[in-house]
Amino acid sequence: MRLIITLLLLSSLSLLAALPVDQTRAEATANSWTAHWAPADGVQRTIQKVVPVTQNGVTLIYAMVYNDGFVLLAADDAAHPIIGYGYQTRFSYPSDNPSFNA
């Protein structure tokens, strides 16, 4: 009985580990989000540039820069995939925003 409980506990702990999200998956997620949530204004939105935001060699965020906005995505699957977005503004990095310098 202890063995079963131990195995269940260990297997549940492995689910808590965050796995990295690769750039291809992040792009697909951003395009799906944009197709569903972007304003219906007739603008054809395409990714112009992908900006990986890194710290100590680890990618933390992917910024998908569109022709008229951006989508920020978590670089691991522990967090909600969409961190932020804007469809009427430009994204630039490095930024003076303290959120990126934390």
C-alpha atoms as a PDB file:
ATOM      1  CA  MET A   1       0.000   0.000   0.000  1.00  0.00           C
ATOM      2  CA  ARG A   2       2.846   2.402   0.811  1.00  0.00           C
ATOM      3  CA  LEU A   3       4.432   1.591  -2.520  1.00  0.00           C
ATOM      4  CA  ILE A   4       1.271   2.532  -4.399  1.00  0.00           C
ATOM      5  CA  ILE A   5       0.894   5.793  -2.479  1.00  0.00           C
ATOM      6  CA  THR A   6       4.553   6.620  -3.061  1.00  0.00           C
ATOM      7  CA  LEU A   7       4.260   5.933  -6.790  1.00  0.00           C
ATOM      8  CA  LEU A   8       1.127   8.059  -7.063  1.00  0.00           C
ATOM      9  CA  LEU A   9       2.806  10.889  -5.196  1.00  0.00           C
ATOM     10  CA  LEU A  10       5.914  10.748  -7.368  1.00  0.00           C
ATOM     11  CA  SER A  11       3.921  10.615 -10.582  1.00  0.00           C
ATOM     12  CA  SER A  12       1.831  13.609  -9.514  1.00  0.00           C
ATOM     13  CA  LEU A  13       4.976  15.595  -8.676  1.00  0.00           C
ATOM     14  CA  SER A  14       6.299  15.019 -12.178  1.00  0.00           C
ATOM     15  CA  LEU A  15       3.225  16.817 -13.523  1.00  0.00           C
ATOM     16  CA  LEU A  16       4.260  19.962 -11.669  1.00  0.00           C
ATOM     17  CA  ALA A  17       7.488  20.353 -13.637  1.00  0.00           C
ATOM     18  CA  ALA A  18       7.285  22.973 -16.357  1.00  0.00           C
ATOM     19  CA  LEU A  19       8.318  21.931 -19.822  1.00  0.00           C
ATOM     20  CA  PRO A  20       9.791  24.421 -22.279  1.00  0.00           C
ATOM     21  CA  VAL A  21       7.729  25.616 -25.221  1.00  0.00           C
ATOM     22  CA  ASP A  22       9.621  25.761 -28.508  1.00  0.00           C
ATOM     23  CA  GLN A  23       9.313  28.666 -30.912  1.00  0.00           C
ATOM     24  CA  THR A  24       7.231  26.717 -33.458  1.00  0.00           C
ATOM     25  CA  ARG A  25       4.616  25.847 -30.840  1.00  0.00           C
ATOM     26  CA  ALA A  26       4.618  29.438 -29.573  1.00  0.00           C
ATOM     27  CA  GLU A  27       4.026  30.747 -33.107  1.00  0.00           C
ATOM     28  CA  ALA A  28       1.125  28.346 -33.643  1.00  0.00           C
ATOM     29  CA  THR A  29      -0.416  29.363 -30.309  1.00  0.00           C
ATOM     30  CA  ALA A  30      -0.050  33.070 -31.113  1.00  0.00           C
ATOM     31  CA  ASN A  31      -1.628  32.619 -34.548  1.00  0.00           C
ATOM     32  CA  SER A  32      -4.520  30.664 -33.061  1.00  0.00           C
ATOM     33  CA  TRP A  33      -5.059  33.324 -30.381  1.00  0.00           C
ATOM     34  CA  THR A  34      -4.893  36.104 -32.959  1.00  0.00           C
ATOM     35  CA  ALA A  35      -7.340  34.381 -35.300  1.00  0.00           C
ATOM     36  CA  HIS A  36      -9.829  34.086 -32.452  1.00  0.00           C
ATOM     37  CA  TRP A  37      -9.338  37.265 -30.401  1.00  0.00           C
ATOM     38  CA  ALA A  38      -7.941  39.973 -32.685  1.00  0.00           C
ATOM     39  CA  PRO A  39     -10.339  42.717 -33.754  1.00  0.00           C
ATOM     40  CA  ALA A  40     -12.459  41.848 -36.788  1.00  0.00           C
ATOM     41  CA  ASP A  41     -11.225  44.848 -38.759  1.00  0.00           C
ATOM     42  CA  GLY A  42     -10.221  43.152 -41.997  1.00  0.00           C
ATOM     43  CA  VAL A  43      -6.476  43.404 -41.288  1.00  0.00           C
ATOM     44  CA  GLN A  44      -4.477  40.347 -42.365  1.00  0.00           C
ATOM     45  CA  ARG A  45      -2.215  39.692 -39.375  1.00  0.00           C
ATOM     46  CA  THR A  46       1.055  37.861 -39.953  1.00  0.00           C
ATOM     47  CA  ILE A  47       4.043  37.404 -37.683  1.00  0.00           C
ATOM     48  CA  GLN A  48       6.774  39.782 -38.795  1.00  0.00           C
ATOM     49  CA  LYS A  49       9.359  38.903 -36.158  1.00  0.00           C
ATOM     50  CA  VAL A  50       9.807  36.612 -33.159  1.00  0.00           C
ATOM     51  CA  VAL A  51      11.664  38.146 -30.201  1.00  0.00           C
ATOM     52  CA  PRO A  52      12.765  35.677 -27.527  1.00  0.00           C
ATOM     53  CA  VAL A  53      13.121  37.449 -24.173  1.00  0.00           C
ATOM     54  CA  THR A  54      15.884  35.675 -22.276  1.00  0.00           C
ATOM     55  CA  GLN A  55      17.667  35.833 -18.962  1.00  0.00           C
ATOM     56  CA  ASN A  56      20.861  33.923 -18.218  1.00  0.00           C
ATOM     57  CA  GLY A  57      20.478  32.012 -21.483  1.00  0.00           C
ATOM     58  CA  VAL A  58      16.952  30.800 -20.674  1.00  0.00           C
ATOM     59  CA  THR A  59      14.025  31.914 -22.827  1.00  0.00           C
ATOM     60  CA  LEU A  60      11.296  33.315 -20.585  1.00  0.00           C
ATOM     61  CA  ILE A  61       8.900  34.888 -23.079  1.00  0.00           C
ATOM     62  CA  TYR A  62       8.324  34.826 -26.809  1.00  0.00           C
ATOM     63  CA  ALA A  63       7.138  38.107 -28.292  1.00  0.00           C
ATOM     64  CA  MET A  64       5.331  37.554 -31.588  1.00  0.00           C
ATOM     65  CA  VAL A  65       5.456  40.874 -33.413  1.00  0.00           C
ATOM     66  CA  TYR A  66       2.666  41.272 -35.965  1.00  0.00           C
ATOM     67  CA  ASN A  67       2.309  43.937 -38.625  1.00  0.00           C
ATOM     68  CA  ASP A  68      -0.095  45.829 -36.325  1.00  0.00           C
ATOM     69  CA  GLY A  69       0.528  44.517 -32.812  1.00  0.00           C
ATOM     70  CA  PHE A  70       2.039  41.779 -30.691  1.00  0.00           C
ATOM     71  CA  VAL A  71       1.314  38.719 -28.558  1.00  0.00           C
ATOM     72  CA  LEU A  72       3.483  37.747 -25.555  1.00  0.00           C
ATOM     73  CA  LEU A  73       3.671  34.035 -24.747  1.00  0.00           C
ATOM     74  CA  ALA A  74       5.159  32.111 -21.849  1.00  0.00           C
ATOM     75  CA  ALA A  75       8.162  30.011 -22.845  1.00  0.00           C
ATOM     76  CA  ASP A  76       7.144  27.141 -20.571  1.00  0.00           C
ATOM     77  CA  ASP A  77       3.887  25.297 -20.116  1.00  0.00           C
ATOM     78  CA  ALA A  78       3.515  25.977 -16.382  1.00  0.00           C
ATOM     79  CA  ALA A  79       1.945  29.378 -17.040  1.00  0.00           C
ATOM     80  CA  HIS A  80      -1.076  30.424 -19.058  1.00  0.00           C
ATOM     81  CA  PRO A  81       0.280  30.661 -22.610  1.00  0.00           C
ATOM     82  CA  ILE A  82      -0.828  34.225 -23.368  1.00  0.00           C
ATOM     83  CA  ILE A  83       0.831  36.743 -21.072  1.00  0.00           C
ATOM     84  CA  GLY A  84      -0.123  39.898 -22.929  1.00  0.00           C
ATOM     85  CA  TYR A  85      -1.179  41.282 -26.274  1.00  0.00           C
ATOM     86  CA  GLY A  86      -1.908  44.490 -28.115  1.00  0.00           C
ATOM     87  CA  TYR A  87      -3.354  45.020 -31.576  1.00  0.00           C
ATOM     88  CA  GLN A  88      -3.103  48.794 -31.765  1.00  0.00           C
ATOM     89  CA  THR A  89       0.441  49.297 -30.553  1.00  0.00           C
ATOM     90  CA  ARG A  90       4.014  48.358 -31.383  1.00  0.00           C
ATOM     91  CA  PHE A  91       6.310  46.113 -29.371  1.00  0.00           C
ATOM     92  CA  SER A  92       9.958  46.997 -28.825  1.00  0.00           C
ATOM     93  CA  TYR A  93      12.558  45.177 -26.785  1.00  0.00           C
ATOM     94  CA  PRO A  94      14.684  45.952 -24.837  1.00  0.00           C
ATOM     95  CA  SER A  95      12.106  48.019 -23.048  1.00  0.00           C
ATOM     96  CA  ASP A  96      12.071  50.673 -20.350  1.00  0.00           C
ATOM     97  CA  ASN A  97       9.058  48.898 -18.839  1.00  0.00           C
ATOM     98  CA  PRO A  98      10.019  47.628 -15.369  1.00  0.00           C
ATOM     99  CA  SER A  99       8.059  44.414 -15.979  1.00  0.00           C
ATOM    100  CA  PHE A 100      10.792  43.281 -18.357  1.00  0.00           C
ATOM    101  CA  ASN A 101      13.596  44.231 -15.992  1.00  0.00           C
ATOM    102  CA  ALA A 102      12.382  42.360 -12.926  1.00  0.00           C
END
